[in-house]
Amino acid sequence: MQTFESLVRVAPKSPIAVDFLGFASMSRSVRAAMTNIVTRREELREFRQQARELASFTDRELAELGFSRGDLPSIAAGTYRR
């Protein structure tokens, strides 16, 4: 009796046999999506920390630095332009 491996001429543990239904590529895409989610959460956490630190400054301290309270969101986001 012939086996599947002898019919398709691949070794039993080859990537082709393992990825017959696309499981390997699916796991790569899931891993990439999870990495993107983790990266985005870290960026958001950093943004919130910076916003909290800037908000703790008094109006006078901000004015000495050349900023107003309305500039804080763009400063924390990294999009502030003078």
C-alpha atoms as a PDB file:
ATOM      1  CA  MET A   1       0.000   0.000   0.000  1.00  0.00           C
ATOM      2  CA  GLN A   2       1.327   3.427  -0.912  1.00  0.00           C
ATOM      3  CA  THR A   3       1.536   6.207   1.649  1.00  0.00           C
ATOM      4  CA  PHE A   4       0.763   9.869   1.159  1.00  0.00           C
ATOM      5  CA  GLU A   5       4.475  10.717   1.265  1.00  0.00           C
ATOM      6  CA  SER A   6       5.324   8.247  -1.476  1.00  0.00           C
ATOM      7  CA  LEU A   7       2.535   9.609  -3.679  1.00  0.00           C
ATOM      8  CA  VAL A   8       3.575  13.253  -3.458  1.00  0.00           C
ATOM      9  CA  ARG A   9       7.280  12.459  -3.077  1.00  0.00           C
ATOM     10  CA  VAL A  10       7.950  14.526   0.036  1.00  0.00           C
ATOM     11  CA  ALA A  11       9.541  13.537   3.279  1.00  0.00           C
ATOM     12  CA  PRO A  12       7.041  13.062   6.129  1.00  0.00           C
ATOM     13  CA  LYS A  13       8.342  16.073   8.088  1.00  0.00           C
ATOM     14  CA  SER A  14       8.949  18.435   5.192  1.00  0.00           C
ATOM     15  CA  PRO A  15       7.448  21.963   5.302  1.00  0.00           C
ATOM     16  CA  ILE A  16       5.239  21.096   2.334  1.00  0.00           C
ATOM     17  CA  ALA A  17       3.567  18.215   4.175  1.00  0.00           C
ATOM     18  CA  VAL A  18       3.147  20.264   7.356  1.00  0.00           C
ATOM     19  CA  ASP A  19       1.753  23.280   5.497  1.00  0.00           C
ATOM     20  CA  PHE A  20      -0.641  21.224   3.375  1.00  0.00           C
ATOM     21  CA  LEU A  21      -3.639  23.251   4.630  1.00  0.00           C
ATOM     22  CA  GLY A  22      -1.838  26.581   5.066  1.00  0.00           C
ATOM     23  CA  PHE A  23      -1.378  26.344   8.821  1.00  0.00           C
ATOM     24  CA  ALA A  24       2.209  27.653   8.799  1.00  0.00           C
ATOM     25  CA  SER A  25       1.332  30.815   6.885  1.00  0.00           C
ATOM     26  CA  MET A  26      -1.730  31.352   9.069  1.00  0.00           C
ATOM     27  CA  SER A  27       0.361  31.178  12.218  1.00  0.00           C
ATOM     28  CA  ARG A  28       2.821  33.723  10.770  1.00  0.00           C
ATOM     29  CA  SER A  29       0.019  36.165  10.041  1.00  0.00           C
ATOM     30  CA  VAL A  30      -1.477  35.698  13.515  1.00  0.00           C
ATOM     31  CA  ARG A  31       1.958  36.240  15.062  1.00  0.00           C
ATOM     32  CA  ALA A  32       2.437  39.416  12.989  1.00  0.00           C
ATOM     33  CA  ALA A  33      -0.985  40.718  14.047  1.00  0.00           C
ATOM     34  CA  MET A  34      -0.221  40.070  17.707  1.00  0.00           C
ATOM     35  CA  THR A  35       3.127  41.848  17.367  1.00  0.00           C
ATOM     36  CA  ASN A  36       1.373  44.863  15.847  1.00  0.00           C
ATOM     37  CA  ILE A  37      -1.153  44.936  18.691  1.00  0.00           C
ATOM     38  CA  VAL A  38       1.567  44.772  21.337  1.00  0.00           C
ATOM     39  CA  THR A  39       3.584  47.496  19.608  1.00  0.00           C
ATOM     40  CA  ARG A  40       0.550  49.778  19.339  1.00  0.00           C
ATOM     41  CA  ARG A  41      -0.294  49.274  23.032  1.00  0.00           C
ATOM     42  CA  GLU A  42       3.274  50.187  24.025  1.00  0.00           C
ATOM     43  CA  GLU A  43       3.119  53.342  21.882  1.00  0.00           C
ATOM     44  CA  LEU A  44      -0.213  54.307  23.425  1.00  0.00           C
ATOM     45  CA  ARG A  45       1.123  53.713  26.943  1.00  0.00           C
ATOM     46  CA  GLU A  46       4.125  55.944  26.198  1.00  0.00           C
ATOM     47  CA  PHE A  47       1.875  58.657  24.730  1.00  0.00           C
ATOM     48  CA  ARG A  48      -0.330  58.657  27.840  1.00  0.00           C
ATOM     49  CA  GLN A  49       2.703  58.836  30.155  1.00  0.00           C
ATOM     50  CA  GLN A  50       4.099  61.824  28.251  1.00  0.00           C
ATOM     51  CA  ALA A  51       0.713  63.538  28.275  1.00  0.00           C
ATOM     52  CA  ARG A  52       0.450  63.061  32.065  1.00  0.00           C
ATOM     53  CA  GLU A  53       3.935  64.476  32.621  1.00  0.00           C
ATOM     54  CA  LEU A  54       3.251  67.530  30.457  1.00  0.00           C
ATOM     55  CA  ALA A  55      -0.126  68.108  32.097  1.00  0.00           C
ATOM     56  CA  SER A  56       1.565  68.230  35.498  1.00  0.00           C
ATOM     57  CA  PHE A  57       3.421  71.421  34.482  1.00  0.00           C
ATOM     58  CA  THR A  58       1.899  74.736  35.525  1.00  0.00           C
ATOM     59  CA  ASP A  59       0.876  77.295  32.905  1.00  0.00           C
ATOM     60  CA  ARG A  60       3.828  79.416  33.941  1.00  0.00           C
ATOM     61  CA  GLU A  61       6.301  76.537  33.481  1.00  0.00           C
ATOM     62  CA  LEU A  62       4.840  75.787  30.063  1.00  0.00           C
ATOM     63  CA  ALA A  63       5.087  79.458  29.078  1.00  0.00           C
ATOM     64  CA  GLU A  64       8.771  79.483  30.106  1.00  0.00           C
ATOM     65  CA  LEU A  65       9.312  76.557  27.740  1.00  0.00           C
ATOM     66  CA  GLY A  66       7.422  78.377  24.974  1.00  0.00           C
ATOM     67  CA  PHE A  67       4.332  76.176  24.977  1.00  0.00           C
ATOM     68  CA  SER A  68       0.696  76.627  25.856  1.00  0.00           C
ATOM     69  CA  ARG A  69      -1.661  74.046  27.319  1.00  0.00           C
ATOM     70  CA  GLY A  70      -3.313  73.635  23.897  1.00  0.00           C
ATOM     71  CA  ASP A  71       0.010  72.425  22.455  1.00  0.00           C
ATOM     72  CA  LEU A  72       0.239  69.450  24.820  1.00  0.00           C
ATOM     73  CA  PRO A  73      -1.619  66.814  22.734  1.00  0.00           C
ATOM     74  CA  SER A  74       0.502  67.471  19.651  1.00  0.00           C
ATOM     75  CA  ILE A  75       3.710  67.538  21.714  1.00  0.00           C
ATOM     76  CA  ALA A  76       2.894  64.171  23.277  1.00  0.00           C
ATOM     77  CA  ALA A  77       1.961  62.720  19.874  1.00  0.00           C
ATOM     78  CA  GLY A  78       5.207  63.973  18.363  1.00  0.00           C
ATOM     79  CA  THR A  79       3.488  66.101  15.735  1.00  0.00           C
ATOM     80  CA  TYR A  80       4.141  69.533  17.263  1.00  0.00           C
ATOM     81  CA  ARG A  81       5.625  72.137  14.905  1.00  0.00           C
ATOM     82  CA  ARG A  82       6.684  75.652  15.851  1.00  0.00           C
END
